Structure formats: C-alpha cells, structure tokens
Amino acid sequence: MKLTFCKTVTLALVIVGLCAVGAGVASAQTTDTYWVNYFSNNAAPAPDETVRIDNPGLTYGTLCAMVYVFAADQQLSECCGCSDTHNGLRTLSVRSNLTSNPLTGVVATTGVIKIVSAAVNDSPCDPTAAVSPTANLRAWATHVQNPVGTAYPITETEFSASTLGATELANLEAQCAFISILGSGAGICSCGTGD
C-alpha cells in the first residue's frame, strides 16, 4: 500500500512537472524579432511619413519584414511581407504603401505599425502563415507632429523592440490571412522601394 501510494504521488508530480514545462514552451517568447512604432497625421496637407527597414546581416541572407498596420480602433487595416537582403534598405511611404489600400476602405490617420523579422517562407514573404521569427531587422519611422502655424514638425524614431509571444504571432497571421482571403485585394500593403 505504501509503495503504491509513493508511486502514485511520484507519477502525479511527474505529470504536473511535464504540464508546467509544456506551458512554458507554449508561451515561449522570441526577442529581437518584433518591432513596433506609430504613425499620425496621415492626411493632407500634412507631409507623408516614411518607414525604413534595414537588414544588417546577422544571417547574411535575405529576411522578411512581415508588416502589420493597425488603425487607431485596433483593427488590422493592411498587411504585407517585404523581403530585405543583407545590407539592404527598404523604404516605405506610410501614405502610399502602408495605408492606401485599407480593408475597410477608410484610410487610417493614426495607428500602429508592427514588423516581425522573419525567415523567407514563400515567394518571397507570406505574412499569413508559417512565419518563423528570425532576428535581426532594424526599422525607423518619421512622424508628422501637430502643426505649428502652417509647418508640420517631423521627428524620427527607431522602432521599439517588443517581445513576440506565440499568441500574438498567431493572431497577426490569422488576421492577415482573413484579409488575404476575404479582402478581394483590399488590405494588402505594398513594399515601397529597396531590395
């Protein structure tokens, strides 16, 4: 009886330990792959804003910038996957490339831009599925501030690094897949200039 009780307790502890380890794996987070910034005053007569993405070459090969653009109401407005070669610089216009083709037909004047640095997963980049976060893209954005008289001050900031959780990545992929399937071409951003 005593031996059976010890085996049962040991087995229960092993199961609890495996569950705890499994939960840790399920919530594993990836760093140096997820970048976040904002855009504002995205309407004439304010000037356009610019996003620049660089691949400094940790992998010495092409990476994908999986771009997800959210309107201020937290809805995914546009998404796309843009390749960036080693030492490449990709330049995107917020007005022309990232917000001109919204899913809802309403161009966002303010919002959030999220970029996942990822391995090439299709011809060449698919932000809707099988995104494999791979470090090392870097990104910057200009910001049009509120007007001072008739002038619009412009600032520039580096995208902020954030931790990419499995749930966030799955949600980004799923929302982008929804746009791709049901948007009839709307909701797909374009990759600007660069390689």
N, C-alpha and C. Protein backbone atom coordinates (compact mmCIF):
# COMPACT_ATOMS: atom_id res chain seq x y z
N MET A 1 0.83 -1.20 0.00
CA MET A 1 0.00 0.00 0.00
C MET A 1 0.86 1.25 0.00
N LYS A 2 1.88 1.27 0.89
CA LYS A 2 2.73 2.43 1.00
C LYS A 2 3.50 2.64 -0.31
N LEU A 3 3.97 1.57 -0.95
CA LEU A 3 4.73 1.66 -2.19
C LEU A 3 3.83 2.17 -3.33
N THR A 4 2.61 1.70 -3.38
CA THR A 4 1.66 2.15 -4.41
C THR A 4 1.37 3.64 -4.24
N PHE A 5 1.18 4.08 -3.00
CA PHE A 5 0.93 5.49 -2.73
C PHE A 5 2.12 6.34 -3.20
N CYS A 6 3.34 5.91 -2.91
CA CYS A 6 4.54 6.66 -3.33
C CYS A 6 4.64 6.71 -4.86
N LYS A 7 4.33 5.60 -5.53
CA LYS A 7 4.36 5.59 -7.00
C LYS A 7 3.31 6.54 -7.56
N THR A 8 2.14 6.55 -6.96
CA THR A 8 1.06 7.43 -7.43
C THR A 8 1.45 8.89 -7.25
N VAL A 9 2.00 9.24 -6.09
CA VAL A 9 2.41 10.63 -5.83
C VAL A 9 3.54 11.02 -6.78
N THR A 10 4.50 10.11 -6.98
CA THR A 10 5.61 10.40 -7.89
C THR A 10 5.10 10.61 -9.31
N LEU A 11 4.20 9.75 -9.77
CA LEU A 11 3.62 9.88 -11.09
C LEU A 11 2.87 11.20 -11.23
N ALA A 12 2.11 11.58 -10.22
CA ALA A 12 1.36 12.84 -10.24
C ALA A 12 2.32 14.03 -10.33
N LEU A 13 3.42 13.98 -9.58
CA LEU A 13 4.40 15.06 -9.62
C LEU A 13 5.07 15.15 -10.99
N VAL A 14 5.35 14.01 -11.60
CA VAL A 14 5.95 13.99 -12.93
C VAL A 14 4.98 14.62 -13.94
N ILE A 15 3.72 14.26 -13.87
CA ILE A 15 2.72 14.82 -14.79
C ILE A 15 2.60 16.33 -14.60
N VAL A 16 2.54 16.77 -13.33
CA VAL A 16 2.45 18.21 -13.06
C VAL A 16 3.70 18.91 -13.61
N GLY A 17 4.87 18.31 -13.42
CA GLY A 17 6.11 18.89 -13.93
C GLY A 17 6.11 18.98 -15.44
N LEU A 18 5.64 17.93 -16.13
CA LEU A 18 5.56 17.96 -17.59
C LEU A 18 4.58 19.02 -18.07
N CYS A 19 3.47 19.16 -17.37
CA CYS A 19 2.49 20.19 -17.74
C CYS A 19 3.10 21.58 -17.59
N ALA A 20 3.85 21.79 -16.51
CA ALA A 20 4.48 23.10 -16.29
C ALA A 20 5.51 23.38 -17.37
N VAL A 21 6.30 22.37 -17.75
CA VAL A 21 7.28 22.55 -18.82
C VAL A 21 6.58 22.82 -20.13
N GLY A 22 5.51 22.07 -20.41
CA GLY A 22 4.76 22.28 -21.65
C GLY A 22 4.16 23.66 -21.71
N ALA A 23 3.66 24.16 -20.59
CA ALA A 23 3.10 25.51 -20.56
C ALA A 23 4.18 26.53 -20.85
N GLY A 24 5.38 26.32 -20.35
CA GLY A 24 6.49 27.23 -20.62
C GLY A 24 6.84 27.25 -22.09
N VAL A 25 6.82 26.08 -22.73
CA VAL A 25 7.13 26.01 -24.15
C VAL A 25 6.04 26.69 -24.97
N ALA A 26 4.78 26.47 -24.58
CA ALA A 26 3.67 27.05 -25.33
C ALA A 26 3.70 28.57 -25.28
N SER A 27 4.22 29.12 -24.18
CA SER A 27 4.25 30.57 -24.08
C SER A 27 5.65 31.12 -24.36
N ALA A 28 6.48 30.32 -25.01
CA ALA A 28 7.83 30.78 -25.33
C ALA A 28 7.76 32.09 -26.10
N GLN A 29 8.69 32.98 -25.78
CA GLN A 29 8.69 34.28 -26.41
C GLN A 29 9.99 34.50 -27.17
N THR A 30 9.88 35.23 -28.27
CA THR A 30 11.02 35.48 -29.12
C THR A 30 11.42 36.94 -29.01
N THR A 31 12.71 37.19 -28.85
CA THR A 31 13.19 38.56 -28.76
C THR A 31 13.98 38.93 -30.01
N ASP A 32 14.19 40.21 -30.21
CA ASP A 32 14.95 40.77 -31.33
C ASP A 32 14.31 40.44 -32.68
N THR A 33 13.00 40.21 -32.67
CA THR A 33 12.30 39.91 -33.92
C THR A 33 11.03 40.74 -34.11
N TYR A 34 10.62 41.48 -33.09
CA TYR A 34 9.31 42.13 -33.11
C TYR A 34 9.49 43.61 -32.82
N TRP A 35 9.03 44.46 -33.75
CA TRP A 35 9.28 45.89 -33.68
C TRP A 35 7.97 46.65 -33.85
N VAL A 36 7.80 47.70 -33.04
CA VAL A 36 6.53 48.43 -33.02
C VAL A 36 6.79 49.94 -33.07
N ASN A 37 5.96 50.66 -33.83
CA ASN A 37 6.02 52.12 -33.89
C ASN A 37 4.63 52.64 -34.23
N TYR A 38 4.50 53.93 -34.37
CA TYR A 38 3.20 54.53 -34.65
C TYR A 38 3.28 55.44 -35.87
N PHE A 39 2.11 55.81 -36.40
CA PHE A 39 2.03 56.87 -37.41
C PHE A 39 0.91 57.81 -36.98
N SER A 40 1.01 59.08 -37.43
CA SER A 40 0.00 60.07 -37.03
C SER A 40 -0.11 61.14 -38.11
N ASN A 41 -1.19 61.90 -38.07
CA ASN A 41 -1.42 62.99 -39.03
C ASN A 41 -1.26 62.51 -40.46
N ASN A 42 -1.80 61.34 -40.75
CA ASN A 42 -1.67 60.73 -42.08
C ASN A 42 -2.77 61.23 -43.02
N ALA A 43 -2.73 62.52 -43.30
CA ALA A 43 -3.71 63.13 -44.23
C ALA A 43 -3.16 64.47 -44.70
N ALA A 44 -3.51 64.84 -45.93
CA ALA A 44 -3.12 66.15 -46.45
C ALA A 44 -3.80 67.22 -45.61
N PRO A 45 -3.17 68.35 -45.41
CA PRO A 45 -1.96 68.84 -46.05
C PRO A 45 -0.66 68.43 -45.35
N ALA A 46 -0.75 67.59 -44.33
CA ALA A 46 0.48 67.15 -43.64
C ALA A 46 1.35 66.35 -44.61
N PRO A 47 2.67 66.44 -44.47
CA PRO A 47 3.55 65.64 -45.34
C PRO A 47 3.44 64.16 -45.01
N ASP A 48 3.95 63.34 -45.90
CA ASP A 48 3.94 61.88 -45.74
C ASP A 48 4.96 61.46 -44.68
N GLU A 49 4.75 60.31 -44.11
CA GLU A 49 5.71 59.72 -43.18
C GLU A 49 6.41 58.56 -43.89
N THR A 50 7.58 58.19 -43.38
CA THR A 50 8.40 57.18 -44.03
C THR A 50 8.83 56.12 -43.03
N VAL A 51 8.84 54.87 -43.46
CA VAL A 51 9.39 53.76 -42.68
C VAL A 51 10.59 53.22 -43.44
N ARG A 52 11.70 53.05 -42.74
CA ARG A 52 12.90 52.48 -43.34
C ARG A 52 13.26 51.21 -42.59
N ILE A 53 13.55 50.14 -43.35
CA ILE A 53 13.87 48.85 -42.76
C ILE A 53 15.23 48.41 -43.29
N ASP A 54 16.11 48.01 -42.38
CA ASP A 54 17.46 47.57 -42.76
C ASP A 54 17.70 46.15 -42.28
N ASN A 55 18.43 45.39 -43.10
CA ASN A 55 18.87 44.04 -42.72
C ASN A 55 20.39 44.11 -42.52
N PRO A 56 20.85 44.27 -41.26
CA PRO A 56 22.28 44.42 -41.02
C PRO A 56 23.10 43.16 -41.26
N GLY A 57 22.46 42.02 -41.43
CA GLY A 57 23.18 40.85 -41.90
C GLY A 57 23.61 39.82 -40.89
N LEU A 58 22.91 39.67 -39.79
CA LEU A 58 23.26 38.62 -38.84
C LEU A 58 23.23 37.25 -39.51
N THR A 59 22.24 37.02 -40.37
CA THR A 59 22.12 35.73 -41.06
C THR A 59 22.82 35.73 -42.41
N TYR A 60 23.33 36.88 -42.82
CA TYR A 60 23.98 37.08 -44.12
C TYR A 60 23.13 36.51 -45.26
N GLY A 61 21.89 36.88 -45.24
CA GLY A 61 20.98 36.47 -46.29
C GLY A 61 19.72 37.31 -46.22
N THR A 62 18.77 36.99 -47.06
CA THR A 62 17.52 37.74 -47.12
C THR A 62 16.64 37.39 -45.93
N LEU A 63 15.98 38.41 -45.38
CA LEU A 63 14.98 38.25 -44.34
C LEU A 63 13.68 38.85 -44.83
N CYS A 64 12.59 38.50 -44.17
CA CYS A 64 11.29 39.08 -44.48
C CYS A 64 10.91 40.07 -43.39
N ALA A 65 10.40 41.21 -43.80
CA ALA A 65 9.76 42.15 -42.88
C ALA A 65 8.26 41.91 -43.03
N MET A 66 7.68 41.21 -42.08
CA MET A 66 6.24 40.98 -42.08
C MET A 66 5.60 42.20 -41.43
N VAL A 67 4.87 42.98 -42.23
CA VAL A 67 4.36 44.28 -41.79
C VAL A 67 2.86 44.17 -41.54
N TYR A 68 2.43 44.64 -40.35
CA TYR A 68 1.02 44.62 -39.96
C TYR A 68 0.66 46.03 -39.51
N VAL A 69 -0.30 46.67 -40.20
CA VAL A 69 -0.68 48.05 -39.94
C VAL A 69 -2.06 48.07 -39.28
N PHE A 70 -2.12 48.65 -38.10
CA PHE A 70 -3.37 48.73 -37.35
C PHE A 70 -3.87 50.17 -37.30
N ALA A 71 -5.16 50.36 -37.52
CA ALA A 71 -5.78 51.67 -37.36
C ALA A 71 -5.93 51.95 -35.87
N ALA A 72 -6.24 53.19 -35.54
CA ALA A 72 -6.37 53.59 -34.14
C ALA A 72 -7.47 52.81 -33.40
N ASP A 73 -8.44 52.26 -34.12
CA ASP A 73 -9.50 51.48 -33.48
C ASP A 73 -9.10 50.03 -33.26
N GLN A 74 -7.81 49.71 -33.43
CA GLN A 74 -7.22 48.40 -33.16
C GLN A 74 -7.55 47.33 -34.18
N GLN A 75 -8.09 47.73 -35.33
CA GLN A 75 -8.36 46.77 -36.39
C GLN A 75 -7.17 46.70 -37.33
N LEU A 76 -6.81 45.49 -37.76
CA LEU A 76 -5.78 45.35 -38.77
C LEU A 76 -6.32 45.94 -40.06
N SER A 77 -5.62 46.93 -40.58
CA SER A 77 -6.05 47.62 -41.78
C SER A 77 -5.37 47.08 -43.03
N GLU A 78 -4.06 46.80 -42.92
CA GLU A 78 -3.29 46.27 -44.05
C GLU A 78 -2.15 45.40 -43.52
N CYS A 79 -1.70 44.48 -44.37
CA CYS A 79 -0.53 43.66 -44.03
C CYS A 79 0.18 43.26 -45.32
N CYS A 80 1.46 42.98 -45.20
CA CYS A 80 2.24 42.52 -46.35
C CYS A 80 3.57 41.96 -45.85
N GLY A 81 4.24 41.22 -46.71
CA GLY A 81 5.56 40.69 -46.42
C GLY A 81 6.55 41.23 -47.43
N CYS A 82 7.62 41.85 -46.95
CA CYS A 82 8.59 42.50 -47.83
C CYS A 82 9.98 41.92 -47.58
N SER A 83 10.66 41.54 -48.65
CA SER A 83 12.00 40.99 -48.49
C SER A 83 13.02 42.10 -48.31
N ASP A 84 14.10 41.79 -47.61
CA ASP A 84 15.19 42.74 -47.40
C ASP A 84 16.49 41.94 -47.37
N THR A 85 17.35 42.19 -48.35
CA THR A 85 18.61 41.44 -48.45
C THR A 85 19.64 41.99 -47.48
N HIS A 86 20.73 41.24 -47.33
CA HIS A 86 21.83 41.63 -46.46
C HIS A 86 22.31 43.04 -46.83
N ASN A 87 22.37 43.92 -45.85
CA ASN A 87 22.74 45.33 -46.02
C ASN A 87 21.74 46.11 -46.86
N GLY A 88 20.56 45.54 -47.06
CA GLY A 88 19.53 46.21 -47.85
C GLY A 88 18.80 47.27 -47.03
N LEU A 89 18.27 48.25 -47.72
CA LEU A 89 17.45 49.27 -47.09
C LEU A 89 16.15 49.38 -47.86
N ARG A 90 15.07 49.04 -47.21
CA ARG A 90 13.74 49.15 -47.82
C ARG A 90 13.08 50.41 -47.28
N THR A 91 12.51 51.21 -48.18
CA THR A 91 11.86 52.47 -47.79
C THR A 91 10.39 52.41 -48.20
N LEU A 92 9.52 52.64 -47.22
CA LEU A 92 8.08 52.59 -47.46
C LEU A 92 7.43 53.91 -47.08
N SER A 93 6.50 54.35 -47.90
CA SER A 93 5.69 55.52 -47.62
C SER A 93 4.49 55.07 -46.79
N VAL A 94 4.25 55.75 -45.68
CA VAL A 94 3.08 55.40 -44.87
C VAL A 94 1.82 55.66 -45.69
N ARG A 95 1.78 56.77 -46.38
CA ARG A 95 0.57 57.15 -47.12
C ARG A 95 0.36 56.28 -48.36
N SER A 96 1.42 56.03 -49.13
CA SER A 96 1.27 55.31 -50.41
C SER A 96 1.37 53.80 -50.28
N ASN A 97 2.24 53.31 -49.39
CA ASN A 97 2.47 51.86 -49.30
C ASN A 97 1.73 51.17 -48.17
N LEU A 98 1.55 51.85 -47.04
CA LEU A 98 1.04 51.16 -45.85
C LEU A 98 -0.41 51.48 -45.49
N THR A 99 -0.98 52.56 -46.03
CA THR A 99 -2.35 52.90 -45.64
C THR A 99 -3.27 53.24 -46.82
N SER A 100 -2.80 53.08 -48.03
CA SER A 100 -3.60 53.50 -49.19
C SER A 100 -4.60 52.44 -49.68
N ASN A 101 -4.53 51.24 -49.13
CA ASN A 101 -5.38 50.14 -49.59
C ASN A 101 -6.05 49.43 -48.41
N PRO A 102 -6.74 50.18 -47.54
CA PRO A 102 -7.27 49.57 -46.31
C PRO A 102 -8.40 48.58 -46.59
N LEU A 103 -8.50 47.59 -45.74
CA LEU A 103 -9.54 46.57 -45.86
C LEU A 103 -10.93 47.20 -45.84
N THR A 104 -11.14 48.17 -44.95
CA THR A 104 -12.47 48.76 -44.79
C THR A 104 -12.75 49.90 -45.76
N GLY A 105 -11.74 50.34 -46.50
CA GLY A 105 -11.92 51.47 -47.40
C GLY A 105 -11.69 52.81 -46.71
N VAL A 106 -11.49 52.80 -45.39
CA VAL A 106 -11.26 54.02 -44.63
C VAL A 106 -9.78 54.11 -44.30
N VAL A 107 -9.11 55.14 -44.82
CA VAL A 107 -7.68 55.33 -44.57
C VAL A 107 -7.46 55.81 -43.15
N ALA A 108 -6.61 55.10 -42.42
CA ALA A 108 -6.32 55.47 -41.03
C ALA A 108 -5.44 56.72 -40.99
N THR A 109 -5.80 57.66 -40.12
CA THR A 109 -4.97 58.85 -39.95
C THR A 109 -3.95 58.67 -38.84
N THR A 110 -4.23 57.77 -37.91
CA THR A 110 -3.28 57.41 -36.85
C THR A 110 -3.36 55.91 -36.65
N GLY A 111 -2.27 55.34 -36.15
CA GLY A 111 -2.28 53.90 -35.89
C GLY A 111 -0.93 53.37 -35.51
N VAL A 112 -0.81 52.06 -35.59
CA VAL A 112 0.38 51.35 -35.15
C VAL A 112 0.90 50.48 -36.29
N ILE A 113 2.22 50.44 -36.42
CA ILE A 113 2.87 49.57 -37.40
C ILE A 113 3.70 48.55 -36.63
N LYS A 114 3.44 47.27 -36.90
CA LYS A 114 4.19 46.19 -36.27
C LYS A 114 4.97 45.46 -37.36
N ILE A 115 6.24 45.15 -37.07
CA ILE A 115 7.08 44.42 -38.01
C ILE A 115 7.65 43.20 -37.32
N VAL A 116 7.50 42.04 -37.96
CA VAL A 116 8.12 40.81 -37.47
C VAL A 116 9.28 40.50 -38.42
N SER A 117 10.47 40.41 -37.87
CA SER A 117 11.65 40.00 -38.63
C SER A 117 11.58 38.48 -38.74
N ALA A 118 11.55 37.96 -39.98
CA ALA A 118 11.29 36.53 -40.17
C ALA A 118 12.11 35.94 -41.30
N ALA A 119 12.22 34.62 -41.27
CA ALA A 119 12.88 33.89 -42.35
C ALA A 119 11.99 33.93 -43.59
N VAL A 120 12.61 33.82 -44.76
CA VAL A 120 11.84 33.77 -46.01
C VAL A 120 11.02 32.49 -45.99
N ASN A 121 9.70 32.62 -46.23
CA ASN A 121 8.81 31.46 -46.15
C ASN A 121 7.98 31.22 -47.40
N ASP A 122 8.16 32.05 -48.43
CA ASP A 122 7.38 31.88 -49.66
C ASP A 122 8.07 32.69 -50.73
N SER A 123 7.37 33.01 -51.81
CA SER A 123 7.96 33.73 -52.93
C SER A 123 7.73 35.22 -52.85
N PRO A 124 8.46 36.01 -52.08
CA PRO A 124 9.39 35.51 -51.08
C PRO A 124 8.84 35.53 -49.66
N CYS A 125 7.83 36.35 -49.36
CA CYS A 125 7.43 36.53 -47.96
C CYS A 125 5.91 36.46 -47.82
N ASP A 126 5.42 35.61 -46.92
CA ASP A 126 3.99 35.44 -46.69
C ASP A 126 3.67 35.74 -45.22
N PRO A 127 3.01 36.86 -44.93
CA PRO A 127 2.72 37.22 -43.54
C PRO A 127 1.51 36.50 -42.96
N THR A 128 0.88 35.60 -43.73
CA THR A 128 -0.37 34.97 -43.28
C THR A 128 -0.18 33.63 -42.59
N ALA A 129 0.96 32.97 -42.77
CA ALA A 129 1.15 31.63 -42.20
C ALA A 129 2.61 31.25 -42.20
N ALA A 130 2.97 30.34 -41.33
CA ALA A 130 4.32 29.77 -41.26
C ALA A 130 5.39 30.84 -41.10
N VAL A 131 5.06 31.91 -40.37
CA VAL A 131 6.04 32.95 -40.10
C VAL A 131 7.01 32.43 -39.05
N SER A 132 8.29 32.42 -39.40
CA SER A 132 9.33 31.92 -38.49
C SER A 132 10.19 33.10 -38.05
N PRO A 133 9.91 33.67 -36.86
CA PRO A 133 10.67 34.83 -36.41
C PRO A 133 12.17 34.55 -36.42
N THR A 134 12.91 35.44 -37.08
CA THR A 134 14.35 35.32 -37.21
C THR A 134 14.94 36.71 -37.01
N ALA A 135 15.81 36.86 -36.02
CA ALA A 135 16.38 38.17 -35.73
C ALA A 135 17.10 38.68 -36.96
N ASN A 136 16.95 39.91 -37.33
CA ASN A 136 17.79 40.98 -36.94
C ASN A 136 17.46 42.24 -37.69
N LEU A 137 16.27 42.31 -38.31
CA LEU A 137 15.90 43.54 -39.00
C LEU A 137 15.85 44.71 -38.02
N ARG A 138 16.13 45.89 -38.53
CA ARG A 138 16.01 47.13 -37.76
C ARG A 138 15.13 48.09 -38.56
N ALA A 139 14.38 48.96 -37.88
CA ALA A 139 13.47 49.86 -38.58
C ALA A 139 13.36 51.21 -37.88
N TRP A 140 13.10 52.24 -38.69
CA TRP A 140 12.91 53.60 -38.21
C TRP A 140 11.69 54.19 -38.90
N ALA A 141 11.07 55.17 -38.26
CA ALA A 141 9.91 55.84 -38.86
C ALA A 141 9.96 57.32 -38.58
N THR A 142 9.56 58.11 -39.59
CA THR A 142 9.37 59.53 -39.34
C THR A 142 7.94 59.74 -38.85
N HIS A 143 7.75 60.82 -38.10
CA HIS A 143 6.43 61.13 -37.53
C HIS A 143 6.11 62.58 -37.79
N VAL A 144 4.94 62.83 -38.34
CA VAL A 144 4.46 64.19 -38.55
C VAL A 144 3.71 64.61 -37.29
N GLN A 145 4.22 65.66 -36.66
CA GLN A 145 3.61 66.16 -35.43
C GLN A 145 2.50 67.15 -35.77
N ASN A 146 1.75 67.56 -34.77
CA ASN A 146 0.67 68.54 -34.98
C ASN A 146 1.26 69.84 -35.52
N PRO A 147 0.51 70.54 -36.36
CA PRO A 147 1.07 71.74 -37.00
C PRO A 147 1.39 72.86 -36.00
N VAL A 148 2.44 73.58 -36.34
CA VAL A 148 2.80 74.80 -35.63
C VAL A 148 2.68 75.90 -36.67
N GLY A 149 1.60 76.66 -36.62
CA GLY A 149 1.29 77.59 -37.71
C GLY A 149 0.95 76.76 -38.93
N THR A 150 1.70 76.97 -40.01
CA THR A 150 1.46 76.19 -41.23
C THR A 150 2.50 75.09 -41.41
N ALA A 151 3.45 75.00 -40.49
CA ALA A 151 4.52 74.00 -40.60
C ALA A 151 4.17 72.76 -39.78
N TYR A 152 4.58 71.61 -40.29
CA TYR A 152 4.38 70.35 -39.59
C TYR A 152 5.75 69.82 -39.15
N PRO A 153 6.08 69.92 -37.86
CA PRO A 153 7.37 69.38 -37.41
C PRO A 153 7.43 67.88 -37.66
N ILE A 154 8.61 67.40 -38.06
CA ILE A 154 8.81 65.98 -38.33
C ILE A 154 9.91 65.45 -37.43
N THR A 155 9.63 64.33 -36.77
CA THR A 155 10.62 63.66 -35.94
C THR A 155 10.86 62.27 -36.51
N GLU A 156 11.89 61.61 -36.03
CA GLU A 156 12.16 60.24 -36.45
C GLU A 156 12.56 59.42 -35.23
N THR A 157 12.02 58.21 -35.14
CA THR A 157 12.37 57.33 -34.04
C THR A 157 12.63 55.92 -34.56
N GLU A 158 13.45 55.20 -33.83
CA GLU A 158 13.66 53.79 -34.12
C GLU A 158 12.43 53.02 -33.64
N PHE A 159 12.08 51.96 -34.35
CA PHE A 159 11.01 51.10 -33.87
C PHE A 159 11.43 50.52 -32.52
N SER A 160 10.48 50.37 -31.62
CA SER A 160 10.76 49.82 -30.29
C SER A 160 10.68 48.30 -30.34
N ALA A 161 11.67 47.69 -29.71
CA ALA A 161 11.67 46.23 -29.61
C ALA A 161 10.61 45.80 -28.60
N SER A 162 9.92 44.73 -28.93
CA SER A 162 8.95 44.15 -28.02
C SER A 162 9.15 42.64 -28.02
N THR A 163 8.56 41.96 -27.07
CA THR A 163 8.67 40.51 -27.02
C THR A 163 7.50 39.91 -27.79
N LEU A 164 7.81 39.01 -28.72
CA LEU A 164 6.78 38.39 -29.54
C LEU A 164 6.36 37.06 -28.94
N GLY A 165 5.14 37.00 -28.44
CA GLY A 165 4.60 35.77 -27.90
C GLY A 165 3.93 34.94 -28.98
N ALA A 166 3.76 33.66 -28.72
CA ALA A 166 3.15 32.75 -29.69
C ALA A 166 1.72 33.16 -30.02
N THR A 167 0.97 33.64 -29.03
CA THR A 167 -0.41 34.05 -29.25
C THR A 167 -0.48 35.28 -30.15
N GLU A 168 0.39 36.25 -29.91
CA GLU A 168 0.40 37.46 -30.74
C GLU A 168 0.74 37.10 -32.18
N LEU A 169 1.75 36.27 -32.38
CA LEU A 169 2.13 35.88 -33.74
C LEU A 169 0.98 35.16 -34.44
N ALA A 170 0.34 34.25 -33.73
CA ALA A 170 -0.79 33.52 -34.32
C ALA A 170 -1.92 34.47 -34.69
N ASN A 171 -2.20 35.47 -33.85
CA ASN A 171 -3.25 36.44 -34.15
C ASN A 171 -2.90 37.30 -35.36
N LEU A 172 -1.64 37.74 -35.45
CA LEU A 172 -1.22 38.54 -36.60
C LEU A 172 -1.39 37.74 -37.89
N GLU A 173 -0.94 36.49 -37.88
CA GLU A 173 -1.07 35.63 -39.07
C GLU A 173 -2.54 35.43 -39.43
N ALA A 174 -3.37 35.12 -38.44
CA ALA A 174 -4.78 34.82 -38.69
C ALA A 174 -5.52 36.04 -39.23
N GLN A 175 -5.29 37.21 -38.65
CA GLN A 175 -5.97 38.41 -39.12
C GLN A 175 -5.53 38.76 -40.54
N CYS A 176 -4.23 38.60 -40.82
CA CYS A 176 -3.72 38.88 -42.16
C CYS A 176 -4.28 37.86 -43.16
N ALA A 177 -4.39 36.60 -42.76
CA ALA A 177 -4.97 35.57 -43.63
C ALA A 177 -6.43 35.91 -43.95
N PHE A 178 -7.16 36.38 -42.95
CA PHE A 178 -8.55 36.79 -43.17
C PHE A 178 -8.62 37.89 -44.23
N ILE A 179 -7.76 38.90 -44.10
CA ILE A 179 -7.71 39.98 -45.08
C ILE A 179 -7.39 39.43 -46.46
N SER A 180 -6.41 38.55 -46.53
CA SER A 180 -5.97 38.00 -47.81
C SER A 180 -7.08 37.20 -48.50
N ILE A 181 -7.84 36.45 -47.71
CA ILE A 181 -8.89 35.60 -48.27
C ILE A 181 -10.14 36.41 -48.64
N LEU A 182 -10.55 37.31 -47.77
CA LEU A 182 -11.84 37.98 -47.95
C LEU A 182 -11.77 39.41 -48.45
N GLY A 183 -10.57 40.00 -48.53
CA GLY A 183 -10.46 41.41 -48.88
C GLY A 183 -10.53 41.71 -50.36
N SER A 184 -10.52 40.71 -51.22
CA SER A 184 -10.54 40.92 -52.67
C SER A 184 -9.47 41.91 -53.12
N GLY A 185 -8.29 41.79 -52.52
CA GLY A 185 -7.17 42.68 -52.86
C GLY A 185 -7.04 43.86 -51.93
N ALA A 186 -8.10 44.23 -51.24
CA ALA A 186 -8.02 45.31 -50.26
C ALA A 186 -7.33 44.79 -49.00
N GLY A 187 -6.61 45.67 -48.32
CA GLY A 187 -5.96 45.29 -47.07
C GLY A 187 -4.54 44.76 -47.26
N ILE A 188 -4.05 44.75 -48.48
CA ILE A 188 -2.69 44.29 -48.75
C ILE A 188 -1.82 45.51 -49.02
N CYS A 189 -0.83 45.73 -48.16
CA CYS A 189 0.06 46.89 -48.36
C CYS A 189 1.12 46.54 -49.41
N SER A 190 1.92 47.52 -49.78
CA SER A 190 2.98 47.30 -50.76
C SER A 190 4.33 47.62 -50.14
N CYS A 191 5.40 47.17 -50.78
CA CYS A 191 6.71 47.15 -50.15
C CYS A 191 7.62 48.32 -50.47
N GLY A 192 7.14 49.34 -51.14
CA GLY A 192 7.97 50.52 -51.37
C GLY A 192 9.16 50.22 -52.24
N THR A 193 10.27 50.90 -51.94
CA THR A 193 11.48 50.72 -52.73
C THR A 193 12.55 50.04 -51.91
N GLY A 194 13.46 49.38 -52.57
CA GLY A 194 14.53 48.66 -51.92
C GLY A 194 14.65 47.30 -52.56
N ASP A 195 15.35 46.41 -51.89
CA ASP A 195 15.59 45.09 -52.48
C ASP A 195 14.73 44.02 -51.93
